[in-house]
């Protein structure tokens, strides 16, 4: 299981969702029911076929017990936007 606060690169979000889903013992179907996100889409996200939108990421991580914070890129245009996932206590 991840730490209380985890910085997530947008390209790694699917893997993070998969790891956390498996850590709580949920199937993709269970995560789909809890988040309202189609289980086929969850499979695409977890396998890296496509990436979820910010709203979809929020739904998935919220169902898994996380709050997310979007860190917008700074003045340096080379810097990427990142997400910080914070586990609710």
N, C-alpha and C. Protein backbone atom coordinates (compact mmCIF):
# COMPACT_ATOMS: atom_id res chain seq x y z
N UNK A 1 0.84 -1.18 0.00
CA UNK A 1 0.00 0.00 0.00
C UNK A 1 0.89 1.25 0.00
N UNK A 2 0.40 2.32 -0.56
CA UNK A 2 1.18 3.55 -0.68
C UNK A 2 1.23 4.29 0.66
N UNK A 3 2.10 5.29 0.71
CA UNK A 3 2.23 6.13 1.90
C UNK A 3 1.04 7.07 2.00
N UNK A 4 0.99 7.86 3.09
CA UNK A 4 -0.12 8.77 3.31
C UNK A 4 -0.24 9.85 2.24
N UNK A 5 0.86 10.30 1.69
CA UNK A 5 0.84 11.29 0.60
C UNK A 5 1.80 10.82 -0.48
N UNK A 6 1.31 10.76 -1.68
CA UNK A 6 2.10 10.20 -2.78
C UNK A 6 1.99 11.12 -3.99
N UNK A 7 3.13 11.54 -4.53
CA UNK A 7 3.13 12.30 -5.78
C UNK A 7 3.02 11.30 -6.92
N UNK A 8 2.16 11.59 -7.87
CA UNK A 8 1.91 10.66 -8.96
C UNK A 8 2.11 11.38 -10.29
N UNK A 9 2.97 10.83 -11.11
CA UNK A 9 3.13 11.33 -12.48
C UNK A 9 1.90 10.89 -13.26
N UNK A 10 1.39 11.75 -14.12
CA UNK A 10 0.17 11.44 -14.85
C UNK A 10 0.28 10.16 -15.67
N UNK A 11 1.47 9.83 -16.13
CA UNK A 11 1.64 8.60 -16.90
C UNK A 11 1.57 7.35 -16.03
N UNK A 12 1.70 7.51 -14.71
CA UNK A 12 1.67 6.38 -13.77
C UNK A 12 0.34 6.22 -13.06
N UNK A 13 -0.65 7.04 -13.37
CA UNK A 13 -1.90 7.02 -12.61
C UNK A 13 -2.63 5.68 -12.72
N UNK A 14 -2.63 5.08 -13.89
CA UNK A 14 -3.29 3.78 -14.05
C UNK A 14 -2.68 2.71 -13.18
N UNK A 15 -1.36 2.68 -13.13
CA UNK A 15 -0.65 1.70 -12.29
C UNK A 15 -0.95 1.96 -10.81
N UNK A 16 -0.99 3.22 -10.41
CA UNK A 16 -1.31 3.57 -9.03
C UNK A 16 -2.72 3.09 -8.66
N UNK A 17 -3.67 3.32 -9.56
CA UNK A 17 -5.06 2.89 -9.33
C UNK A 17 -5.10 1.37 -9.18
N UNK A 18 -4.42 0.66 -10.08
CA UNK A 18 -4.40 -0.81 -10.00
C UNK A 18 -3.81 -1.30 -8.68
N UNK A 19 -2.68 -0.72 -8.29
CA UNK A 19 -2.03 -1.14 -7.05
C UNK A 19 -2.94 -0.91 -5.84
N UNK A 20 -3.56 0.24 -5.80
CA UNK A 20 -4.43 0.55 -4.66
C UNK A 20 -5.70 -0.29 -4.66
N UNK A 21 -6.25 -0.55 -5.85
CA UNK A 21 -7.44 -1.41 -5.95
C UNK A 21 -7.11 -2.81 -5.44
N UNK A 22 -5.99 -3.34 -5.88
CA UNK A 22 -5.59 -4.68 -5.43
C UNK A 22 -5.25 -4.69 -3.95
N UNK A 23 -4.69 -3.61 -3.43
CA UNK A 23 -4.32 -3.54 -2.01
C UNK A 23 -5.54 -3.64 -1.10
N UNK A 24 -6.68 -3.13 -1.56
CA UNK A 24 -7.90 -3.23 -0.75
C UNK A 24 -8.72 -4.47 -1.11
N UNK A 25 -8.22 -5.26 -2.06
CA UNK A 25 -8.88 -6.52 -2.42
C UNK A 25 -10.11 -6.35 -3.31
N UNK A 26 -10.18 -5.26 -4.04
CA UNK A 26 -11.32 -5.01 -4.92
C UNK A 26 -11.05 -5.52 -6.33
N UNK A 27 -12.12 -5.97 -6.98
CA UNK A 27 -12.07 -6.26 -8.40
C UNK A 27 -12.33 -4.97 -9.17
N UNK A 28 -12.10 -5.00 -10.46
CA UNK A 28 -12.44 -3.83 -11.27
C UNK A 28 -13.93 -3.56 -11.20
N UNK A 29 -14.72 -4.61 -11.13
CA UNK A 29 -16.18 -4.45 -11.03
C UNK A 29 -16.55 -3.71 -9.75
N UNK A 30 -15.94 -4.07 -8.64
CA UNK A 30 -16.22 -3.41 -7.36
C UNK A 30 -15.84 -1.93 -7.42
N UNK A 31 -14.67 -1.63 -7.99
CA UNK A 31 -14.25 -0.24 -8.12
C UNK A 31 -15.21 0.51 -9.04
N UNK A 32 -15.68 -0.15 -10.07
CA UNK A 32 -16.65 0.46 -10.98
C UNK A 32 -17.93 0.84 -10.25
N UNK A 33 -18.44 -0.06 -9.44
CA UNK A 33 -19.66 0.20 -8.67
C UNK A 33 -19.45 1.34 -7.68
N UNK A 34 -18.32 1.33 -6.99
CA UNK A 34 -18.05 2.34 -5.97
C UNK A 34 -17.75 3.72 -6.55
N UNK A 35 -17.17 3.76 -7.74
CA UNK A 35 -16.74 5.04 -8.33
C UNK A 35 -17.70 5.58 -9.39
N UNK A 36 -18.50 4.69 -9.97
CA UNK A 36 -19.37 5.11 -11.07
C UNK A 36 -18.65 5.17 -12.41
N UNK A 37 -17.45 4.59 -12.47
CA UNK A 37 -16.66 4.57 -13.71
C UNK A 37 -16.77 3.18 -14.33
N UNK A 38 -17.02 3.12 -15.62
CA UNK A 38 -17.19 1.86 -16.33
C UNK A 38 -15.97 0.95 -16.14
N UNK A 39 -16.22 -0.35 -15.86
CA UNK A 39 -15.10 -1.26 -15.58
C UNK A 39 -14.20 -1.47 -16.79
N UNK A 40 -14.72 -1.34 -18.00
CA UNK A 40 -13.87 -1.44 -19.19
C UNK A 40 -12.90 -0.26 -19.25
N UNK A 41 -13.39 0.92 -18.87
CA UNK A 41 -12.51 2.10 -18.84
C UNK A 41 -11.43 1.93 -17.79
N UNK A 42 -11.80 1.37 -16.64
CA UNK A 42 -10.82 1.12 -15.58
C UNK A 42 -9.71 0.21 -16.11
N UNK A 43 -10.08 -0.82 -16.85
CA UNK A 43 -9.08 -1.73 -17.43
C UNK A 43 -8.16 -0.97 -18.37
N UNK A 44 -8.71 -0.09 -19.20
CA UNK A 44 -7.87 0.71 -20.11
C UNK A 44 -6.90 1.60 -19.34
N UNK A 45 -7.38 2.21 -18.26
CA UNK A 45 -6.52 3.09 -17.46
C UNK A 45 -5.39 2.29 -16.80
N UNK A 46 -5.77 1.15 -16.21
CA UNK A 46 -4.79 0.35 -15.48
C UNK A 46 -3.72 -0.25 -16.40
N UNK A 47 -4.07 -0.51 -17.62
CA UNK A 47 -3.11 -1.10 -18.55
C UNK A 47 -2.41 -0.07 -19.42
N UNK A 48 -2.73 1.20 -19.22
CA UNK A 48 -2.05 2.27 -19.92
C UNK A 48 -2.51 2.52 -21.35
N UNK A 49 -3.63 1.90 -21.74
CA UNK A 49 -4.17 2.12 -23.08
C UNK A 49 -4.57 3.58 -23.25
N UNK A 50 -5.16 4.14 -22.20
CA UNK A 50 -5.54 5.54 -22.19
C UNK A 50 -5.42 6.06 -20.76
N UNK A 51 -5.52 7.36 -20.59
CA UNK A 51 -5.39 7.96 -19.27
C UNK A 51 -6.71 8.62 -18.88
N UNK A 52 -7.09 8.51 -17.61
CA UNK A 52 -8.35 9.12 -17.18
C UNK A 52 -8.23 10.64 -17.09
N UNK A 53 -9.37 11.31 -17.26
CA UNK A 53 -9.42 12.76 -17.04
C UNK A 53 -9.22 13.05 -15.56
N UNK A 54 -9.04 14.31 -15.23
CA UNK A 54 -8.90 14.69 -13.82
C UNK A 54 -10.15 14.29 -13.04
N UNK A 55 -11.33 14.55 -13.59
CA UNK A 55 -12.59 14.22 -12.89
C UNK A 55 -12.71 12.71 -12.66
N UNK A 56 -12.37 11.92 -13.67
CA UNK A 56 -12.43 10.46 -13.53
C UNK A 56 -11.40 9.98 -12.52
N UNK A 57 -10.20 10.54 -12.57
CA UNK A 57 -9.18 10.19 -11.59
C UNK A 57 -9.67 10.48 -10.18
N UNK A 58 -10.32 11.62 -10.02
CA UNK A 58 -10.85 11.99 -8.71
C UNK A 58 -11.90 10.98 -8.24
N UNK A 59 -12.79 10.54 -9.13
CA UNK A 59 -13.81 9.56 -8.77
C UNK A 59 -13.18 8.24 -8.33
N UNK A 60 -12.20 7.78 -9.10
CA UNK A 60 -11.55 6.50 -8.80
C UNK A 60 -10.78 6.56 -7.48
N UNK A 61 -9.97 7.60 -7.32
CA UNK A 61 -9.16 7.69 -6.10
C UNK A 61 -10.03 7.99 -4.87
N UNK A 62 -11.08 8.74 -5.06
CA UNK A 62 -12.00 9.00 -3.95
C UNK A 62 -12.64 7.70 -3.47
N UNK A 63 -13.05 6.86 -4.40
CA UNK A 63 -13.63 5.55 -4.03
C UNK A 63 -12.62 4.70 -3.28
N UNK A 64 -11.33 4.87 -3.58
CA UNK A 64 -10.28 4.11 -2.92
C UNK A 64 -9.79 4.76 -1.62
N UNK A 65 -10.40 5.88 -1.25
CA UNK A 65 -10.06 6.50 0.03
C UNK A 65 -9.02 7.60 -0.04
N UNK A 66 -8.85 8.20 -1.21
CA UNK A 66 -7.87 9.27 -1.38
C UNK A 66 -8.55 10.59 -1.71
N UNK A 67 -7.88 11.66 -1.35
CA UNK A 67 -8.19 12.98 -1.86
C UNK A 67 -7.04 13.32 -2.79
N UNK A 68 -7.30 14.09 -3.83
CA UNK A 68 -6.21 14.45 -4.72
C UNK A 68 -6.07 15.96 -4.82
N UNK A 69 -4.84 16.36 -5.02
CA UNK A 69 -4.50 17.77 -5.21
C UNK A 69 -3.74 17.85 -6.52
N UNK A 70 -4.17 18.73 -7.40
CA UNK A 70 -3.47 18.95 -8.67
C UNK A 70 -2.44 20.04 -8.47
N UNK A 71 -1.20 19.73 -8.73
CA UNK A 71 -0.11 20.70 -8.66
C UNK A 71 0.15 21.19 -10.07
N UNK A 72 -0.26 22.42 -10.36
CA UNK A 72 -0.08 22.98 -11.69
C UNK A 72 1.39 23.30 -11.92
N UNK A 73 1.80 23.21 -13.19
CA UNK A 73 3.19 23.50 -13.51
C UNK A 73 3.51 24.96 -13.20
N UNK A 74 4.73 25.16 -12.85
CA UNK A 74 5.19 26.49 -12.46
C UNK A 74 5.53 27.34 -13.66
N UNK A 75 6.34 28.35 -13.41
CA UNK A 75 6.75 29.26 -14.47
C UNK A 75 7.60 28.55 -15.52
N UNK A 76 8.33 27.54 -15.09
CA UNK A 76 9.15 26.77 -16.01
C UNK A 76 8.24 25.84 -16.82
N UNK A 77 8.08 26.11 -18.09
CA UNK A 77 7.16 25.34 -18.93
C UNK A 77 7.57 23.87 -19.09
N UNK A 78 8.80 23.54 -18.73
CA UNK A 78 9.25 22.15 -18.82
C UNK A 78 8.65 21.30 -17.70
N UNK A 79 8.23 21.95 -16.63
CA UNK A 79 7.68 21.24 -15.48
C UNK A 79 6.29 20.72 -15.81
N UNK A 80 5.99 19.48 -15.44
CA UNK A 80 4.70 18.85 -15.72
C UNK A 80 3.74 19.07 -14.56
N UNK A 81 2.43 19.07 -14.87
CA UNK A 81 1.42 19.04 -13.82
C UNK A 81 1.54 17.70 -13.11
N UNK A 82 1.38 17.68 -11.81
CA UNK A 82 1.42 16.43 -11.07
C UNK A 82 0.23 16.35 -10.13
N UNK A 83 -0.09 15.13 -9.74
CA UNK A 83 -1.15 14.90 -8.76
C UNK A 83 -0.51 14.45 -7.46
N UNK A 84 -1.11 14.87 -6.38
CA UNK A 84 -0.71 14.35 -5.08
C UNK A 84 -1.93 13.65 -4.51
N UNK A 85 -1.76 12.37 -4.22
CA UNK A 85 -2.84 11.57 -3.63
C UNK A 85 -2.61 11.50 -2.14
N UNK A 86 -3.62 11.88 -1.37
CA UNK A 86 -3.53 11.89 0.08
C UNK A 86 -4.58 10.95 0.64
N UNK A 87 -4.12 9.93 1.34
CA UNK A 87 -5.04 8.93 1.91
C UNK A 87 -5.81 9.57 3.07
N UNK A 88 -7.13 9.43 3.01
CA UNK A 88 -7.96 9.92 4.11
C UNK A 88 -7.77 9.03 5.33
N UNK A 89 -7.78 9.64 6.50
CA UNK A 89 -7.60 8.82 7.70
C UNK A 89 -8.91 8.25 8.20
